[in-house]
Amino acid sequence: MKARFLIPLGVFLGLVVLLGVGLTLDPRDVPSVLIDKKASEFSLPDLFDSGKRVDSATMKGQVWLVNVWGTWCPECWREHDFLLYLAKQEKIPIIGIDWRDEDAEAIKFLREKGNPFLAVGIDPESKAVMDLGVYGAPETFLLDKQGVIRKKHKGAMTPQVWREEFKPLIEKLEKS
């Protein structure tokens, strides 16, 4: 009789433990299989001049960031001021990929709020974004001088993420 009572109790406690562990996990913390792999090259129409291209090959030899964003994305709005800081104060080159956006809205946003990007490409077919393994916006990638993805951050770039994860790695990569 006691065994019958203990089996459902044991199953219940096991489920409670699994639920507790699951609740502590960050759903954005999905490892990327692309880390330490060469990024696919992209050549995208320039947001501000459709006759020009934003080409990843022009960034070779530099440590740089790719930021996937859109005006429809609230987290992108939240990180924007910090991206401006990175571009102006930290002098890190940032290429923006405007994703799933209306060109006019993106241009208006950058003109009103400031433009942290060295260049902004538009990705109407989501090819470059899919090649990078993007789940949503914003996502920021750190590429080394050879175009290898060294870091990926899902969500808004914050001073803490920059200070603890990106800046030390950038300093190391710039020395090599």
N, C-alpha and C. Protein backbone atom coordinates (compact mmCIF):
# COMPACT_ATOMS: atom_id res chain seq x y z
N MET A 1 0.81 -1.19 0.00
CA MET A 1 0.00 0.00 0.00
C MET A 1 0.87 1.27 0.00
N LYS A 2 1.95 1.28 0.79
CA LYS A 2 2.82 2.46 0.85
C LYS A 2 3.50 2.70 -0.49
N ALA A 3 3.87 1.63 -1.20
CA ALA A 3 4.55 1.77 -2.48
C ALA A 3 3.65 2.46 -3.50
N ARG A 4 2.37 2.15 -3.50
CA ARG A 4 1.43 2.78 -4.42
C ARG A 4 1.36 4.29 -4.16
N PHE A 5 1.44 4.68 -2.95
CA PHE A 5 1.39 6.09 -2.57
C PHE A 5 2.69 6.80 -2.96
N LEU A 6 3.82 6.13 -2.82
CA LEU A 6 5.12 6.75 -3.07
C LEU A 6 5.42 6.94 -4.55
N ILE A 7 4.91 6.08 -5.42
CA ILE A 7 5.19 6.20 -6.86
C ILE A 7 4.65 7.53 -7.41
N PRO A 8 3.37 7.87 -7.24
CA PRO A 8 2.90 9.16 -7.75
C PRO A 8 3.61 10.35 -7.09
N LEU A 9 3.92 10.22 -5.82
CA LEU A 9 4.63 11.29 -5.12
C LEU A 9 6.02 11.48 -5.74
N GLY A 10 6.71 10.38 -6.02
CA GLY A 10 8.04 10.45 -6.64
C GLY A 10 7.98 11.07 -8.03
N VAL A 11 6.98 10.68 -8.83
CA VAL A 11 6.81 11.26 -10.16
C VAL A 11 6.52 12.76 -10.05
N PHE A 12 5.65 13.13 -9.13
CA PHE A 12 5.32 14.54 -8.93
C PHE A 12 6.56 15.35 -8.54
N LEU A 13 7.33 14.86 -7.59
CA LEU A 13 8.54 15.57 -7.16
C LEU A 13 9.55 15.68 -8.30
N GLY A 14 9.67 14.63 -9.10
CA GLY A 14 10.57 14.67 -10.26
C GLY A 14 10.16 15.74 -11.25
N LEU A 15 8.86 15.84 -11.51
CA LEU A 15 8.36 16.88 -12.42
C LEU A 15 8.58 18.28 -11.85
N VAL A 16 8.42 18.45 -10.56
CA VAL A 16 8.67 19.74 -9.92
C VAL A 16 10.13 20.14 -10.09
N VAL A 17 11.04 19.20 -9.90
CA VAL A 17 12.48 19.48 -10.06
C VAL A 17 12.77 19.87 -11.51
N LEU A 18 12.25 19.12 -12.48
CA LEU A 18 12.48 19.43 -13.89
C LEU A 18 11.90 20.80 -14.26
N LEU A 19 10.74 21.12 -13.76
CA LEU A 19 10.13 22.42 -14.01
C LEU A 19 10.99 23.53 -13.41
N GLY A 20 11.47 23.32 -12.19
CA GLY A 20 12.32 24.31 -11.53
C GLY A 20 13.60 24.56 -12.31
N VAL A 21 14.23 23.52 -12.81
CA VAL A 21 15.45 23.67 -13.62
C VAL A 21 15.12 24.40 -14.91
N GLY A 22 14.02 24.02 -15.55
CA GLY A 22 13.62 24.66 -16.80
C GLY A 22 13.37 26.15 -16.65
N LEU A 23 12.82 26.56 -15.53
CA LEU A 23 12.53 27.97 -15.31
C LEU A 23 13.79 28.81 -15.10
N THR A 24 14.89 28.19 -14.73
CA THR A 24 16.13 28.94 -14.53
C THR A 24 16.91 29.14 -15.82
N LEU A 25 16.54 28.46 -16.89
CA LEU A 25 17.26 28.56 -18.15
C LEU A 25 16.83 29.81 -18.92
N ASP A 26 17.76 30.42 -19.63
CA ASP A 26 17.48 31.58 -20.46
C ASP A 26 17.08 31.09 -21.85
N PRO A 27 15.86 31.36 -22.31
CA PRO A 27 15.45 30.86 -23.62
C PRO A 27 16.24 31.46 -24.77
N ARG A 28 16.93 32.59 -24.54
CA ARG A 28 17.75 33.18 -25.60
C ARG A 28 19.14 32.56 -25.66
N ASP A 29 19.48 31.74 -24.67
CA ASP A 29 20.81 31.16 -24.59
C ASP A 29 20.88 29.86 -25.39
N VAL A 30 20.73 30.00 -26.70
CA VAL A 30 20.81 28.86 -27.61
C VAL A 30 22.19 28.92 -28.25
N PRO A 31 23.03 27.92 -28.05
CA PRO A 31 24.37 27.98 -28.61
C PRO A 31 24.33 28.00 -30.14
N SER A 32 25.23 28.76 -30.72
CA SER A 32 25.30 28.84 -32.17
C SER A 32 26.37 27.89 -32.68
N VAL A 33 26.01 27.11 -33.68
CA VAL A 33 26.99 26.20 -34.29
C VAL A 33 27.95 26.98 -35.18
N LEU A 34 27.69 28.26 -35.39
CA LEU A 34 28.52 29.07 -36.28
C LEU A 34 29.70 29.73 -35.58
N ILE A 35 29.76 29.65 -34.26
CA ILE A 35 30.88 30.25 -33.54
C ILE A 35 32.16 29.53 -33.97
N ASP A 36 33.19 30.32 -34.24
CA ASP A 36 34.50 29.86 -34.71
C ASP A 36 34.45 29.30 -36.13
N LYS A 37 33.40 29.65 -36.86
CA LYS A 37 33.29 29.28 -38.28
C LYS A 37 33.29 30.57 -39.10
N LYS A 38 33.80 30.48 -40.31
CA LYS A 38 33.82 31.63 -41.21
C LYS A 38 32.38 32.01 -41.57
N ALA A 39 32.08 33.27 -41.43
CA ALA A 39 30.73 33.76 -41.76
C ALA A 39 30.55 33.74 -43.27
N SER A 40 29.34 33.45 -43.70
CA SER A 40 29.02 33.55 -45.13
C SER A 40 29.16 35.01 -45.54
N GLU A 41 29.76 35.22 -46.70
CA GLU A 41 29.88 36.60 -47.18
C GLU A 41 28.52 37.08 -47.66
N PHE A 42 28.31 38.37 -47.50
CA PHE A 42 27.06 38.95 -47.99
C PHE A 42 27.33 40.23 -48.76
N SER A 43 26.44 40.52 -49.67
CA SER A 43 26.46 41.76 -50.42
C SER A 43 25.00 42.20 -50.53
N LEU A 44 24.66 43.23 -49.78
CA LEU A 44 23.27 43.66 -49.66
C LEU A 44 23.09 45.07 -50.22
N PRO A 45 21.88 45.38 -50.69
CA PRO A 45 21.62 46.75 -51.11
C PRO A 45 21.78 47.71 -49.93
N ASP A 46 22.40 48.85 -50.19
CA ASP A 46 22.59 49.87 -49.17
C ASP A 46 21.25 50.55 -48.87
N LEU A 47 20.94 50.72 -47.59
CA LEU A 47 19.67 51.33 -47.19
C LEU A 47 19.53 52.74 -47.73
N PHE A 48 20.61 53.51 -47.75
CA PHE A 48 20.54 54.91 -48.13
C PHE A 48 20.76 55.16 -49.61
N ASP A 49 21.32 54.18 -50.32
CA ASP A 49 21.61 54.35 -51.75
C ASP A 49 21.49 52.99 -52.43
N SER A 50 20.36 52.76 -53.08
CA SER A 50 20.11 51.44 -53.69
C SER A 50 21.11 51.09 -54.78
N GLY A 51 21.85 52.07 -55.27
CA GLY A 51 22.88 51.80 -56.28
C GLY A 51 24.17 51.26 -55.68
N LYS A 52 24.30 51.34 -54.37
CA LYS A 52 25.50 50.85 -53.69
C LYS A 52 25.21 49.52 -53.02
N ARG A 53 26.28 48.82 -52.63
CA ARG A 53 26.16 47.55 -51.93
C ARG A 53 26.89 47.64 -50.59
N VAL A 54 26.38 46.93 -49.61
CA VAL A 54 27.06 46.75 -48.33
C VAL A 54 27.64 45.35 -48.40
N ASP A 55 28.95 45.29 -48.46
CA ASP A 55 29.65 44.04 -48.76
C ASP A 55 30.55 43.64 -47.59
N SER A 56 30.35 42.45 -47.08
CA SER A 56 31.15 41.98 -45.94
C SER A 56 32.63 41.88 -46.28
N ALA A 57 32.96 41.68 -47.54
CA ALA A 57 34.37 41.55 -47.94
C ALA A 57 35.17 42.82 -47.65
N THR A 58 34.50 43.98 -47.62
CA THR A 58 35.21 45.23 -47.35
C THR A 58 35.69 45.32 -45.91
N MET A 59 35.19 44.46 -45.04
CA MET A 59 35.55 44.50 -43.62
C MET A 59 36.72 43.58 -43.29
N LYS A 60 37.19 42.82 -44.24
CA LYS A 60 38.30 41.89 -43.97
C LYS A 60 39.50 42.67 -43.45
N GLY A 61 40.19 42.08 -42.50
CA GLY A 61 41.34 42.72 -41.90
C GLY A 61 40.99 43.56 -40.68
N GLN A 62 39.71 43.65 -40.35
CA GLN A 62 39.25 44.40 -39.19
C GLN A 62 38.46 43.49 -38.25
N VAL A 63 38.44 43.84 -36.99
CA VAL A 63 37.52 43.23 -36.03
C VAL A 63 36.28 44.12 -36.08
N TRP A 64 35.12 43.53 -36.27
CA TRP A 64 33.91 44.32 -36.46
C TRP A 64 32.67 43.60 -35.96
N LEU A 65 31.59 44.38 -35.84
CA LEU A 65 30.31 43.85 -35.40
C LEU A 65 29.31 43.89 -36.54
N VAL A 66 28.42 42.90 -36.55
CA VAL A 66 27.23 42.92 -37.40
C VAL A 66 26.05 42.96 -36.45
N ASN A 67 25.17 43.93 -36.65
CA ASN A 67 23.99 44.05 -35.80
C ASN A 67 22.75 43.91 -36.68
N VAL A 68 21.92 42.91 -36.37
CA VAL A 68 20.66 42.69 -37.07
C VAL A 68 19.57 43.40 -36.28
N TRP A 69 18.84 44.28 -36.94
CA TRP A 69 17.88 45.13 -36.24
C TRP A 69 16.70 45.46 -37.15
N GLY A 70 15.70 46.12 -36.59
CA GLY A 70 14.56 46.61 -37.34
C GLY A 70 13.81 47.64 -36.51
N THR A 71 13.15 48.55 -37.17
CA THR A 71 12.41 49.59 -36.42
C THR A 71 11.20 49.01 -35.70
N TRP A 72 10.74 47.85 -36.12
CA TRP A 72 9.60 47.17 -35.50
C TRP A 72 9.97 46.50 -34.18
N CYS A 73 11.25 46.47 -33.86
CA CYS A 73 11.78 45.69 -32.74
C CYS A 73 12.02 46.58 -31.51
N PRO A 74 11.24 46.42 -30.43
CA PRO A 74 11.42 47.26 -29.23
C PRO A 74 12.81 47.13 -28.61
N GLU A 75 13.37 45.94 -28.60
CA GLU A 75 14.72 45.76 -28.04
C GLU A 75 15.76 46.52 -28.86
N CYS A 76 15.54 46.63 -30.16
CA CYS A 76 16.47 47.38 -31.02
C CYS A 76 16.45 48.86 -30.65
N TRP A 77 15.28 49.37 -30.33
CA TRP A 77 15.17 50.76 -29.88
C TRP A 77 15.95 50.94 -28.57
N ARG A 78 15.80 49.96 -27.68
CA ARG A 78 16.46 50.05 -26.37
C ARG A 78 17.99 50.03 -26.49
N GLU A 79 18.52 49.27 -27.43
CA GLU A 79 19.98 49.17 -27.54
C GLU A 79 20.60 50.27 -28.38
N HIS A 80 19.78 51.05 -29.07
CA HIS A 80 20.29 52.00 -30.05
C HIS A 80 21.28 53.01 -29.47
N ASP A 81 20.96 53.61 -28.34
CA ASP A 81 21.87 54.59 -27.74
C ASP A 81 23.21 53.95 -27.40
N PHE A 82 23.19 52.70 -26.96
CA PHE A 82 24.46 52.05 -26.63
C PHE A 82 25.26 51.75 -27.90
N LEU A 83 24.59 51.41 -28.99
CA LEU A 83 25.31 51.22 -30.25
C LEU A 83 25.95 52.53 -30.71
N LEU A 84 25.26 53.64 -30.51
CA LEU A 84 25.85 54.95 -30.82
C LEU A 84 27.12 55.17 -29.99
N TYR A 85 27.05 54.83 -28.71
CA TYR A 85 28.22 54.94 -27.84
C TYR A 85 29.37 54.08 -28.38
N LEU A 86 29.08 52.84 -28.74
CA LEU A 86 30.12 51.93 -29.23
C LEU A 86 30.79 52.49 -30.48
N ALA A 87 29.99 53.02 -31.39
CA ALA A 87 30.54 53.55 -32.64
C ALA A 87 31.39 54.79 -32.40
N LYS A 88 30.92 55.68 -31.51
CA LYS A 88 31.62 56.95 -31.31
C LYS A 88 32.76 56.86 -30.30
N GLN A 89 32.51 56.21 -29.17
CA GLN A 89 33.50 56.19 -28.10
C GLN A 89 34.46 55.01 -28.19
N GLU A 90 33.94 53.85 -28.49
CA GLU A 90 34.78 52.65 -28.56
C GLU A 90 35.39 52.48 -29.95
N LYS A 91 34.89 53.24 -30.92
CA LYS A 91 35.41 53.23 -32.29
C LYS A 91 35.36 51.84 -32.93
N ILE A 92 34.34 51.07 -32.59
CA ILE A 92 34.19 49.74 -33.18
C ILE A 92 33.33 49.86 -34.45
N PRO A 93 33.82 49.35 -35.58
CA PRO A 93 33.00 49.40 -36.79
C PRO A 93 31.80 48.45 -36.67
N ILE A 94 30.62 48.97 -36.99
CA ILE A 94 29.39 48.18 -36.92
C ILE A 94 28.69 48.25 -38.28
N ILE A 95 28.41 47.09 -38.83
CA ILE A 95 27.58 47.00 -40.03
C ILE A 95 26.18 46.61 -39.57
N GLY A 96 25.19 47.35 -40.00
CA GLY A 96 23.82 47.04 -39.66
C GLY A 96 23.15 46.26 -40.78
N ILE A 97 22.33 45.29 -40.40
CA ILE A 97 21.46 44.62 -41.37
C ILE A 97 20.04 44.92 -40.93
N ASP A 98 19.36 45.74 -41.73
CA ASP A 98 17.98 46.11 -41.45
C ASP A 98 17.10 44.98 -41.97
N TRP A 99 16.38 44.35 -41.05
CA TRP A 99 15.67 43.11 -41.36
C TRP A 99 14.17 43.29 -41.21
N ARG A 100 13.43 42.83 -42.21
CA ARG A 100 11.96 42.84 -42.18
C ARG A 100 11.41 44.23 -41.88
N ASP A 101 11.90 45.20 -42.59
CA ASP A 101 11.58 46.58 -42.28
C ASP A 101 11.19 47.33 -43.54
N GLU A 102 10.49 48.42 -43.36
CA GLU A 102 10.22 49.36 -44.44
C GLU A 102 11.42 50.29 -44.53
N ASP A 103 11.98 50.44 -45.73
CA ASP A 103 13.17 51.27 -45.91
C ASP A 103 12.94 52.69 -45.38
N ALA A 104 11.80 53.28 -45.71
CA ALA A 104 11.52 54.66 -45.29
C ALA A 104 11.50 54.79 -43.77
N GLU A 105 10.93 53.79 -43.09
CA GLU A 105 10.90 53.81 -41.62
C GLU A 105 12.32 53.73 -41.04
N ALA A 106 13.13 52.86 -41.61
CA ALA A 106 14.51 52.69 -41.12
C ALA A 106 15.33 53.96 -41.34
N ILE A 107 15.19 54.55 -42.51
CA ILE A 107 15.92 55.79 -42.80
C ILE A 107 15.49 56.90 -41.84
N LYS A 108 14.19 57.03 -41.64
CA LYS A 108 13.66 58.04 -40.72
C LYS A 108 14.20 57.81 -39.30
N PHE A 109 14.16 56.57 -38.85
CA PHE A 109 14.65 56.23 -37.52
C PHE A 109 16.11 56.63 -37.35
N LEU A 110 16.96 56.26 -38.29
CA LEU A 110 18.39 56.55 -38.18
C LEU A 110 18.68 58.04 -38.30
N ARG A 111 17.92 58.74 -39.10
CA ARG A 111 18.13 60.19 -39.21
C ARG A 111 17.71 60.91 -37.93
N GLU A 112 16.65 60.43 -37.29
CA GLU A 112 16.17 61.08 -36.07
C GLU A 112 16.98 60.68 -34.84
N LYS A 113 17.34 59.43 -34.73
CA LYS A 113 17.99 58.91 -33.53
C LYS A 113 19.51 58.87 -33.62
N GLY A 114 20.05 59.01 -34.82
CA GLY A 114 21.49 58.89 -35.02
C GLY A 114 21.81 57.54 -35.65
N ASN A 115 22.90 57.52 -36.40
CA ASN A 115 23.26 56.30 -37.13
C ASN A 115 24.59 55.76 -36.60
N PRO A 116 24.56 54.65 -35.87
CA PRO A 116 25.80 54.08 -35.34
C PRO A 116 26.56 53.21 -36.35
N PHE A 117 25.95 52.99 -37.51
CA PHE A 117 26.48 52.01 -38.45
C PHE A 117 27.42 52.63 -39.47
N LEU A 118 28.49 51.90 -39.76
CA LEU A 118 29.39 52.27 -40.83
C LEU A 118 28.64 52.18 -42.16
N ALA A 119 27.80 51.17 -42.28
CA ALA A 119 26.93 50.97 -43.44
C ALA A 119 25.73 50.15 -42.98
N VAL A 120 24.61 50.30 -43.70
CA VAL A 120 23.40 49.53 -43.39
C VAL A 120 22.93 48.85 -44.66
N GLY A 121 22.88 47.54 -44.61
CA GLY A 121 22.34 46.77 -45.72
C GLY A 121 20.92 46.34 -45.42
N ILE A 122 20.13 46.19 -46.47
CA ILE A 122 18.78 45.66 -46.30
C ILE A 122 18.77 44.24 -46.83
N ASP A 123 18.03 43.40 -46.15
CA ASP A 123 18.01 41.97 -46.48
C ASP A 123 16.57 41.52 -46.75
N PRO A 124 16.00 41.92 -47.91
CA PRO A 124 14.59 41.65 -48.16
C PRO A 124 14.23 40.17 -48.22
N GLU A 125 15.15 39.33 -48.66
CA GLU A 125 14.87 37.89 -48.72
C GLU A 125 15.35 37.14 -47.48
N SER A 126 15.92 37.84 -46.53
CA SER A 126 16.44 37.26 -45.28
C SER A 126 17.57 36.26 -45.51
N LYS A 127 18.24 36.32 -46.64
CA LYS A 127 19.32 35.37 -46.94
C LYS A 127 20.51 35.55 -46.00
N ALA A 128 21.01 36.77 -45.88
CA ALA A 128 22.18 37.01 -45.01
C ALA A 128 21.83 36.69 -43.56
N VAL A 129 20.64 37.08 -43.16
CA VAL A 129 20.20 36.84 -41.78
C VAL A 129 20.11 35.34 -41.50
N MET A 130 19.57 34.59 -42.43
CA MET A 130 19.47 33.13 -42.24
C MET A 130 20.85 32.48 -42.25
N ASP A 131 21.74 32.97 -43.11
CA ASP A 131 23.11 32.43 -43.14
C ASP A 131 23.83 32.66 -41.81
N LEU A 132 23.46 33.73 -41.10
CA LEU A 132 24.05 34.01 -39.79
C LEU A 132 23.36 33.22 -38.67
N GLY A 133 22.26 32.56 -38.98
CA GLY A 133 21.55 31.78 -37.97
C GLY A 133 20.75 32.63 -37.00
N VAL A 134 20.22 33.74 -37.50
CA VAL A 134 19.47 34.66 -36.65
C VAL A 134 18.12 34.07 -36.27
N TYR A 135 17.77 34.19 -34.99
CA TYR A 135 16.46 33.76 -34.49
C TYR A 135 15.49 34.92 -34.41
N GLY A 136 16.00 36.10 -34.14
CA GLY A 136 15.17 37.29 -33.98
C GLY A 136 16.06 38.50 -33.83
N ALA A 137 15.45 39.65 -33.73
CA ALA A 137 16.23 40.87 -33.59
C ALA A 137 16.03 41.43 -32.18
N PRO A 138 17.04 42.10 -31.67
CA PRO A 138 18.36 42.29 -32.26
C PRO A 138 19.28 41.10 -31.96
N GLU A 139 20.22 40.92 -32.84
CA GLU A 139 21.32 39.98 -32.61
C GLU A 139 22.59 40.65 -33.09
N THR A 140 23.65 40.46 -32.34
CA THR A 140 24.93 41.09 -32.64
C THR A 140 26.00 40.02 -32.74
N PHE A 141 26.81 40.12 -33.78
CA PHE A 141 27.88 39.16 -34.04
C PHE A 141 29.22 39.89 -34.03
N LEU A 142 30.22 39.26 -33.46
CA LEU A 142 31.58 39.76 -33.48
C LEU A 142 32.36 38.92 -34.48
N LEU A 143 32.94 39.57 -35.48
CA LEU A 143 33.74 38.87 -36.48
C LEU A 143 35.18 39.32 -36.37
N ASP A 144 36.10 38.37 -36.55
CA ASP A 144 37.51 38.70 -36.47
C ASP A 144 38.04 39.18 -37.82
N LYS A 145 39.34 39.40 -37.90
CA LYS A 145 39.96 39.95 -39.11
C LYS A 145 39.83 39.04 -40.32
N GLN A 146 39.61 37.75 -40.09
CA GLN A 146 39.46 36.79 -41.19
C GLN A 146 37.99 36.53 -41.52
N GLY A 147 37.08 37.21 -40.84
CA GLY A 147 35.65 37.02 -41.10
C GLY A 147 35.06 35.83 -40.38
N VAL A 148 35.71 35.38 -39.31
CA VAL A 148 35.22 34.26 -38.51
C VAL A 148 34.35 34.81 -37.38
N ILE A 149 33.19 34.18 -37.18
CA ILE A 149 32.29 34.60 -36.10
C ILE A 149 32.89 34.14 -34.77
N ARG A 150 33.18 35.08 -33.89
CA ARG A 150 33.78 34.76 -32.59
C ARG A 150 32.79 34.86 -31.43
N LYS A 151 31.71 35.61 -31.64
CA LYS A 151 30.74 35.78 -30.56
C LYS A 151 29.40 36.15 -31.17
N LYS A 152 28.34 35.68 -30.53
CA LYS A 152 26.98 36.02 -30.93
C LYS A 152 26.20 36.37 -29.67
N HIS A 153 25.47 37.47 -29.74
CA HIS A 153 24.62 37.86 -28.62
C HIS A 153 23.20 38.06 -29.11
N LYS A 154 22.26 37.38 -28.48
CA LYS A 154 20.85 37.52 -28.80
C LYS A 154 20.22 38.49 -27.81
N GLY A 155 19.51 39.47 -28.32
CA GLY A 155 18.92 40.48 -27.45
C GLY A 155 19.70 41.77 -27.54
N ALA A 156 19.25 42.74 -26.79
CA ALA A 156 19.86 44.07 -26.82
C ALA A 156 21.28 44.03 -26.26
N MET A 157 22.18 44.71 -26.94
CA MET A 157 23.55 44.88 -26.44
C MET A 157 23.47 45.86 -25.28
N THR A 158 24.08 45.48 -24.17
CA THR A 158 24.06 46.32 -22.97
C THR A 158 25.49 46.61 -22.54
N PRO A 159 25.69 47.63 -21.69
CA PRO A 159 27.03 47.89 -21.19
C PRO A 159 27.64 46.67 -20.50
N GLN A 160 26.84 45.92 -19.76
CA GLN A 160 27.37 44.74 -19.06
C GLN A 160 27.82 43.66 -20.05
N VAL A 161 27.01 43.37 -21.04
CA VAL A 161 27.38 42.37 -22.05
C VAL A 161 28.64 42.82 -22.78
N TRP A 162 28.69 44.10 -23.12
CA TRP A 162 29.86 44.64 -23.81
C TRP A 162 31.12 44.48 -22.95
N ARG A 163 31.03 44.93 -21.71
CA ARG A 163 32.18 44.94 -20.80
C ARG A 163 32.66 43.53 -20.48
N GLU A 164 31.73 42.60 -20.25
CA GLU A 164 32.11 41.27 -19.79
C GLU A 164 32.39 40.28 -20.92
N GLU A 165 31.72 40.43 -22.05
CA GLU A 165 31.84 39.42 -23.09
C GLU A 165 32.53 39.89 -24.36
N PHE A 166 32.19 41.07 -24.84
CA PHE A 166 32.69 41.51 -26.14
C PHE A 166 34.04 42.23 -26.05
N LYS A 167 34.14 43.22 -25.16
CA LYS A 167 35.35 44.05 -25.13
C LYS A 167 36.63 43.25 -24.87
N PRO A 168 36.65 42.33 -23.88
CA PRO A 168 37.89 41.56 -23.69
C PRO A 168 38.25 40.72 -24.91
N LEU A 169 37.25 40.17 -25.57
CA LEU A 169 37.51 39.36 -26.76
C LEU A 169 38.01 40.22 -27.91
N ILE A 170 37.44 41.40 -28.07
CA ILE A 170 37.89 42.32 -29.12
C ILE A 170 39.34 42.72 -28.90
N GLU A 171 39.68 43.05 -27.65
CA GLU A 171 41.07 43.42 -27.35
C GLU A 171 42.03 42.29 -27.70
N LYS A 172 41.64 41.08 -27.39
CA LYS A 172 42.47 39.91 -27.71
C LYS A 172 42.59 39.73 -29.23
N LEU A 173 41.48 39.87 -29.94
CA LEU A 173 41.48 39.67 -31.39
C LEU A 173 42.26 40.76 -32.11
N GLU A 174 42.21 41.98 -31.61
CA GLU A 174 42.94 43.07 -32.26
C GLU A 174 44.44 42.90 -32.13
N LYS A 175 44.89 42.22 -31.09
CA LYS A 175 46.32 41.98 -30.90
C LYS A 175 46.85 40.88 -31.80
N SER A 176 45.95 39.99 -32.22
CA SER A 176 46.41 38.84 -33.03
C SER A 176 46.44 39.15 -34.50
